[in-house]
Amino acid sequence: MAALYRDPQQPAAGGDDVARILIVDDEESDRLLVQAVLARAGHETIVAEGGEEALREFLRYGIDIVVTDLQMPDVHGFELISILREFHPAPAVIAVSATGPFQLHMAEALGAEWTLLKPLDPGLLLDAVARAEESRIGREEERVG
């Protein structure tokens, strides 16, 4: 079941402008770890157990950044990335995988802007999210200006 999370100890960094981050992973422990790291850093997070649920939550919440595992049972991360690229504006995508660099290169070819190997390093995850937010803000400024 997807749920909207925010660490109550951390105010939203950008108020209404804070990015909404969708975390997609069929492994509960990985999902909760990513959610905890991002919520502790003040990010608004939504979690989904798989690709189909992720697509529903993407449409429901207006997601800015997607952190997705690549190996999932219903809709693979590769398929999810391809589908997300069809939306305008498309969310920034961070692909994660425990299976090695080849799969991460495939994810980049499909449109993932950043890739990370599992087990995730919290510092690298936060760096990738910060770069994704900068990219999102730049795209919004281009649209407005």
C-alpha atoms as a PDB file:
ATOM      1  CA  MET A   1       0.000   0.000   0.000  1.00  0.00           C
ATOM      2  CA  ALA A   2       1.420   3.404  -0.966  1.00  0.00           C
ATOM      3  CA  ALA A   3       1.525   6.113   1.613  1.00  0.00           C
ATOM      4  CA  LEU A   4       2.658   9.723   1.813  1.00  0.00           C
ATOM      5  CA  TYR A   5       5.413  10.216   4.373  1.00  0.00           C
ATOM      6  CA  ARG A   6       7.096  13.238   5.886  1.00  0.00           C
ATOM      7  CA  ASP A   7       9.417  13.210   8.864  1.00  0.00           C
ATOM      8  CA  PRO A   8       7.507  15.336  11.426  1.00  0.00           C
ATOM      9  CA  GLN A   9      10.832  16.591  12.816  1.00  0.00           C
ATOM     10  CA  GLN A  10      11.757  18.203   9.491  1.00  0.00           C
ATOM     11  CA  PRO A  11       9.786  21.039   7.898  1.00  0.00           C
ATOM     12  CA  ALA A  12       9.493  20.953   4.131  1.00  0.00           C
ATOM     13  CA  ALA A  13      12.647  22.506   2.741  1.00  0.00           C
ATOM     14  CA  GLY A  14      10.878  24.451   0.035  1.00  0.00           C
ATOM     15  CA  GLY A  15       7.362  24.754   1.392  1.00  0.00           C
ATOM     16  CA  ASP A  16       4.940  24.091  -1.443  1.00  0.00           C
ATOM     17  CA  ASP A  17       7.904  23.977  -3.836  1.00  0.00           C
ATOM     18  CA  VAL A  18       9.436  20.880  -2.231  1.00  0.00           C
ATOM     19  CA  ALA A  19       9.890  18.009  -4.658  1.00  0.00           C
ATOM     20  CA  ARG A  20       7.695  14.953  -4.251  1.00  0.00           C
ATOM     21  CA  ILE A  21       9.806  11.809  -4.420  1.00  0.00           C
ATOM     22  CA  LEU A  22       8.319   8.437  -5.324  1.00  0.00           C
ATOM     23  CA  ILE A  23      10.270   5.429  -4.020  1.00  0.00           C
ATOM     24  CA  VAL A  24       9.574   2.188  -5.900  1.00  0.00           C
ATOM     25  CA  ASP A  25      10.954  -1.113  -4.651  1.00  0.00           C
ATOM     26  CA  ASP A  26       9.424  -4.529  -4.061  1.00  0.00           C
ATOM     27  CA  GLU A  27      11.801  -5.129  -1.129  1.00  0.00           C
ATOM     28  CA  GLU A  28      10.229  -3.553   1.951  1.00  0.00           C
ATOM     29  CA  SER A  29      13.529  -3.098   3.797  1.00  0.00           C
ATOM     30  CA  ASP A  30      15.054  -1.220   0.842  1.00  0.00           C
ATOM     31  CA  ARG A  31      11.921   0.898   0.418  1.00  0.00           C
ATOM     32  CA  LEU A  32      11.871   1.846   4.093  1.00  0.00           C
ATOM     33  CA  LEU A  33      15.591   2.618   4.161  1.00  0.00           C
ATOM     34  CA  VAL A  34      15.346   5.022   1.211  1.00  0.00           C
ATOM     35  CA  GLN A  35      12.194   6.578   2.676  1.00  0.00           C
ATOM     36  CA  ALA A  36      13.864   7.099   6.067  1.00  0.00           C
ATOM     37  CA  VAL A  37      16.990   8.689   4.575  1.00  0.00           C
ATOM     38  CA  LEU A  38      14.986  11.065   2.385  1.00  0.00           C
ATOM     39  CA  ALA A  39      12.369  11.944   5.019  1.00  0.00           C
ATOM     40  CA  ARG A  40      15.087  12.640   7.590  1.00  0.00           C
ATOM     41  CA  ALA A  41      16.639  15.050   5.080  1.00  0.00           C
ATOM     42  CA  GLY A  42      13.290  16.889   4.822  1.00  0.00           C
ATOM     43  CA  HIS A  43      11.987  15.451   1.557  1.00  0.00           C
ATOM     44  CA  GLU A  44       8.365  14.549   0.927  1.00  0.00           C
ATOM     45  CA  THR A  45       8.212  10.872   0.016  1.00  0.00           C
ATOM     46  CA  ILE A  46       5.669   8.445  -1.345  1.00  0.00           C
ATOM     47  CA  VAL A  47       6.361   4.716  -1.462  1.00  0.00           C
ATOM     48  CA  ALA A  48       5.123   2.015  -3.831  1.00  0.00           C
ATOM     49  CA  GLU A  49       5.787  -1.728  -3.844  1.00  0.00           C
ATOM     50  CA  GLY A  50       5.912  -2.123  -7.611  1.00  0.00           C
ATOM     51  CA  GLY A  51       5.609  -0.539 -11.018  1.00  0.00           C
ATOM     52  CA  GLU A  52       1.818  -0.667 -11.387  1.00  0.00           C
ATOM     53  CA  GLU A  53       1.292   0.953  -8.006  1.00  0.00           C
ATOM     54  CA  ALA A  54       4.016   3.483  -8.826  1.00  0.00           C
ATOM     55  CA  LEU A  55       2.176   4.599 -11.956  1.00  0.00           C
ATOM     56  CA  ARG A  56      -1.036   5.114  -9.975  1.00  0.00           C
ATOM     57  CA  GLU A  57       0.801   7.133  -7.317  1.00  0.00           C
ATOM     58  CA  PHE A  58       2.672   9.122  -9.961  1.00  0.00           C
ATOM     59  CA  LEU A  59      -0.631  10.258 -11.449  1.00  0.00           C
ATOM     60  CA  ARG A  60      -2.214  10.801  -8.027  1.00  0.00           C
ATOM     61  CA  TYR A  61       0.504  12.914  -6.408  1.00  0.00           C
ATOM     62  CA  GLY A  62       2.258  14.774  -9.221  1.00  0.00           C
ATOM     63  CA  ILE A  63       5.694  13.271  -8.629  1.00  0.00           C
ATOM     64  CA  ASP A  64       8.877  15.231  -9.392  1.00  0.00           C
ATOM     65  CA  ILE A  65      11.535  12.572  -8.750  1.00  0.00           C
ATOM     66  CA  VAL A  66      11.314   8.767  -8.946  1.00  0.00           C
ATOM     67  CA  VAL A  67      13.792   6.474  -7.191  1.00  0.00           C
ATOM     68  CA  THR A  68      13.154   3.031  -8.649  1.00  0.00           C
ATOM     69  CA  ASP A  69      14.589  -0.428  -8.297  1.00  0.00           C
ATOM     70  CA  LEU A  70      15.045  -2.181 -11.624  1.00  0.00           C
ATOM     71  CA  GLN A  71      14.120  -5.757 -10.675  1.00  0.00           C
ATOM     72  CA  MET A  72      10.465  -5.964  -9.650  1.00  0.00           C
ATOM     73  CA  PRO A  73       7.842  -8.652 -10.279  1.00  0.00           C
ATOM     74  CA  ASP A  74       4.945  -6.810 -11.960  1.00  0.00           C
ATOM     75  CA  VAL A  75       6.377  -3.911 -13.963  1.00  0.00           C
ATOM     76  CA  HIS A  76      10.176  -3.860 -14.158  1.00  0.00           C
ATOM     77  CA  GLY A  77      11.983  -0.632 -13.432  1.00  0.00           C
ATOM     78  CA  PHE A  78      13.055  -0.528 -17.083  1.00  0.00           C
ATOM     79  CA  GLU A  79       9.447  -0.510 -18.222  1.00  0.00           C
ATOM     80  CA  LEU A  80       8.527   2.055 -15.572  1.00  0.00           C
ATOM     81  CA  ILE A  81      11.309   4.403 -16.751  1.00  0.00           C
ATOM     82  CA  SER A  82      10.128   4.086 -20.359  1.00  0.00           C
ATOM     83  CA  ILE A  83       6.541   4.859 -19.415  1.00  0.00           C
ATOM     84  CA  LEU A  84       7.521   7.827 -17.237  1.00  0.00           C
ATOM     85  CA  ARG A  85       9.519   9.346 -20.131  1.00  0.00           C
ATOM     86  CA  GLU A  86       6.223   9.686 -22.041  1.00  0.00           C
ATOM     87  CA  PHE A  87       4.857  12.230 -19.535  1.00  0.00           C
ATOM     88  CA  HIS A  88       5.431  15.968 -19.882  1.00  0.00           C
ATOM     89  CA  PRO A  89       7.043  17.130 -17.809  1.00  0.00           C
ATOM     90  CA  ALA A  90       8.721  13.810 -17.111  1.00  0.00           C
ATOM     91  CA  PRO A  91      10.004  13.236 -13.590  1.00  0.00           C
ATOM     92  CA  ALA A  92      13.705  12.942 -12.881  1.00  0.00           C
ATOM     93  CA  VAL A  93      14.574   9.253 -12.469  1.00  0.00           C
ATOM     94  CA  ILE A  94      17.162   7.674 -10.193  1.00  0.00           C
ATOM     95  CA  ALA A  95      17.556   3.949 -10.925  1.00  0.00           C
ATOM     96  CA  VAL A  96      18.941   1.552  -8.311  1.00  0.00           C
ATOM     97  CA  SER A  97      20.003  -2.062  -8.692  1.00  0.00           C
ATOM     98  CA  ALA A  98      21.888  -4.785  -6.874  1.00  0.00           C
ATOM     99  CA  THR A  99      22.579  -6.700 -10.083  1.00  0.00           C
ATOM    100  CA  GLY A 100      25.477  -4.613 -11.371  1.00  0.00           C
ATOM    101  CA  PRO A 101      26.520  -1.847 -13.726  1.00  0.00           C
ATOM    102  CA  PHE A 102      25.171  -3.403 -16.944  1.00  0.00           C
ATOM    103  CA  GLN A 103      21.567  -2.989 -15.794  1.00  0.00           C
ATOM    104  CA  LEU A 104      22.284   0.553 -14.620  1.00  0.00           C
ATOM    105  CA  HIS A 105      23.702   1.420 -18.069  1.00  0.00           C
ATOM    106  CA  MET A 106      20.519   0.035 -19.629  1.00  0.00           C
ATOM    107  CA  ALA A 107      18.464   2.241 -17.287  1.00  0.00           C
ATOM    108  CA  GLU A 108      20.486   5.294 -18.367  1.00  0.00           C
ATOM    109  CA  ALA A 109      19.840   4.418 -22.013  1.00  0.00           C
ATOM    110  CA  LEU A 110      16.098   4.391 -21.263  1.00  0.00           C
ATOM    111  CA  GLY A 111      16.190   7.786 -19.580  1.00  0.00           C
ATOM    112  CA  ALA A 112      17.338   7.439 -15.964  1.00  0.00           C
ATOM    113  CA  GLU A 113      19.454  10.493 -15.189  1.00  0.00           C
ATOM    114  CA  TRP A 114      21.251   8.954 -12.202  1.00  0.00           C
ATOM    115  CA  THR A 115      22.037   5.393 -11.187  1.00  0.00           C
ATOM    116  CA  LEU A 116      23.124   3.846  -7.900  1.00  0.00           C
ATOM    117  CA  LEU A 117      24.234   0.359  -6.892  1.00  0.00           C
ATOM    118  CA  LYS A 118      22.698  -1.429  -3.919  1.00  0.00           C
ATOM    119  CA  PRO A 119      23.347  -1.513  -1.077  1.00  0.00           C
ATOM    120  CA  LEU A 120      22.690   2.206  -1.212  1.00  0.00           C
ATOM    121  CA  ASP A 121      25.067   4.691   0.315  1.00  0.00           C
ATOM    122  CA  PRO A 122      22.850   7.361   1.985  1.00  0.00           C
ATOM    123  CA  GLY A 123      25.270  10.136   1.015  1.00  0.00           C
ATOM    124  CA  LEU A 124      25.229   9.143  -2.658  1.00  0.00           C
ATOM    125  CA  LEU A 125      21.440   8.856  -2.580  1.00  0.00           C
ATOM    126  CA  LEU A 126      21.094  12.356  -1.124  1.00  0.00           C
ATOM    127  CA  ASP A 127      23.571  13.705  -3.690  1.00  0.00           C
ATOM    128  CA  ALA A 128      21.594  12.170  -6.566  1.00  0.00           C
ATOM    129  CA  VAL A 129      18.343  13.609  -5.181  1.00  0.00           C
ATOM    130  CA  ALA A 130      19.945  17.056  -4.786  1.00  0.00           C
ATOM    131  CA  ARG A 131      21.100  16.960  -8.421  1.00  0.00           C
ATOM    132  CA  ALA A 132      17.642  15.804  -9.516  1.00  0.00           C
ATOM    133  CA  GLU A 133      16.068  18.730  -7.630  1.00  0.00           C
ATOM    134  CA  GLU A 134      18.480  21.190  -9.263  1.00  0.00           C
ATOM    135  CA  SER A 135      17.587  19.738 -12.649  1.00  0.00           C
ATOM    136  CA  ARG A 136      13.858  20.012 -11.869  1.00  0.00           C
ATOM    137  CA  ILE A 137      14.184  23.645 -10.786  1.00  0.00           C
ATOM    138  CA  GLY A 138      16.173  24.443 -13.939  1.00  0.00           C
ATOM    139  CA  ARG A 139      13.512  22.858 -16.155  1.00  0.00           C
ATOM    140  CA  GLU A 140      10.751  24.795 -14.362  1.00  0.00           C
ATOM    141  CA  GLU A 141      12.636  28.075 -14.800  1.00  0.00           C
ATOM    142  CA  GLU A 142      13.071  27.375 -18.518  1.00  0.00           C
ATOM    143  CA  ARG A 143       9.318  26.727 -18.882  1.00  0.00           C
ATOM    144  CA  VAL A 144       8.394  29.926 -17.027  1.00  0.00           C
ATOM    145  CA  GLY A 145      11.103  32.169 -18.476  1.00  0.00           C
END
